[in-house]
Protein backbone atom coordinates (compact mmCIF):
# COMPACT_ATOMS: atom_id res chain seq x y z
CA MET A 1 2.94 -28.00 -57.97
CA LYS A 2 6.73 -27.53 -57.02
CA ARG A 3 6.84 -26.27 -60.77
CA LYS A 4 3.59 -23.97 -60.29
CA LEU A 5 4.98 -22.47 -57.15
CA ILE A 6 8.66 -21.04 -58.65
CA SER A 7 6.74 -20.06 -62.07
CA LEU A 8 5.15 -18.03 -59.53
CA MET A 9 7.76 -17.07 -57.33
CA CYS A 10 9.77 -15.62 -60.47
CA CYS A 11 6.26 -13.68 -61.77
CA THR A 12 6.65 -11.78 -58.49
CA LEU A 13 10.41 -11.31 -58.55
CA LEU A 14 9.88 -9.55 -62.08
CA PHE A 15 7.00 -7.82 -61.07
CA ILE A 16 8.63 -5.83 -57.93
CA PHE A 17 11.83 -5.82 -59.99
CA LEU A 18 9.75 -3.48 -63.09
CA SER A 19 7.80 -1.95 -60.69
CA ALA A 20 10.91 -0.50 -58.33
CA CYS A 21 11.87 0.54 -61.98
CA GLN A 22 10.14 3.14 -62.81
CA LYS A 23 10.99 6.49 -61.37
CA GLU A 24 8.27 8.92 -59.30
CA TYR A 25 9.37 12.35 -59.79
CA SER A 26 8.25 14.88 -57.01
CA GLY A 27 10.54 18.34 -57.37
CA GLU A 28 9.48 21.49 -57.57
CA TYR A 29 7.99 22.36 -60.69
CA ILE A 30 11.19 24.94 -62.52
CA GLU A 31 10.71 26.49 -65.91
CA TRP A 32 12.05 24.66 -68.49
CA GLY A 33 12.00 25.85 -71.76
CA GLU A 34 9.05 27.68 -74.31
CA LYS A 35 6.29 25.62 -75.98
CA THR A 36 6.10 27.55 -78.94
CA ASN A 37 7.79 26.64 -81.96
CA SER A 38 9.32 22.79 -80.87
CA ASN A 39 7.86 19.41 -79.74
CA ALA A 40 9.33 19.30 -76.01
CA ALA A 41 6.36 18.22 -74.99
CA GLU A 42 5.21 15.41 -77.52
CA LEU A 43 8.45 14.12 -76.35
CA LEU A 44 7.55 14.55 -72.53
CA GLU A 45 5.11 12.60 -72.72
CA LYS A 46 6.40 10.19 -74.79
CA ASN A 47 9.10 9.88 -72.04
CA GLU A 48 6.74 9.96 -68.98
CA ILE A 49 8.02 12.84 -67.92
CA PRO A 50 5.46 15.61 -66.09
CA TYR A 51 5.32 18.68 -67.06
CA GLU A 52 2.73 21.76 -66.69
CA ILE A 53 2.58 24.71 -69.33
CA LYS A 54 1.94 28.79 -67.70
CA ASP A 55 1.62 31.56 -70.55
CA GLY A 56 3.50 29.21 -73.13
CA ILE A 57 6.61 27.89 -70.42
CA ILE A 58 7.59 24.39 -69.97
CA TYR A 59 7.39 23.89 -66.49
CA ILE A 60 9.04 20.14 -64.97
CA PRO A 61 10.05 19.05 -62.17
CA GLU A 62 13.20 19.68 -60.85
CA ASP A 63 14.45 15.59 -60.37
CA ALA A 64 13.28 15.56 -63.70
CA PHE A 65 15.28 17.81 -65.57
CA ASP A 66 18.74 15.39 -66.74
CA ASP A 67 16.11 12.95 -67.88
CA ALA A 68 14.60 15.60 -69.91
CA ILE A 69 18.20 16.36 -71.23
CA TYR A 70 18.74 13.12 -72.18
CA CYS A 71 15.03 12.68 -73.97
CA CYS A 72 14.02 16.05 -76.09
CA SER A 73 18.34 16.85 -76.75
């Protein structure tokens, strides 16, 4: 019984830790680059960075700018 309780506590702590590591972007969308001749949209999607495309221009949340630079450079 004690082993099950310890295992359950470890799993719960692991779940809490992993869910705390998830990033939520909430900033205003800013212009990041053009979609015309790059695979930037695919890289942003692969790295779970939200984006919008308007008139061939990629927009990302302002607070995701550094993450987008790291993943796509």
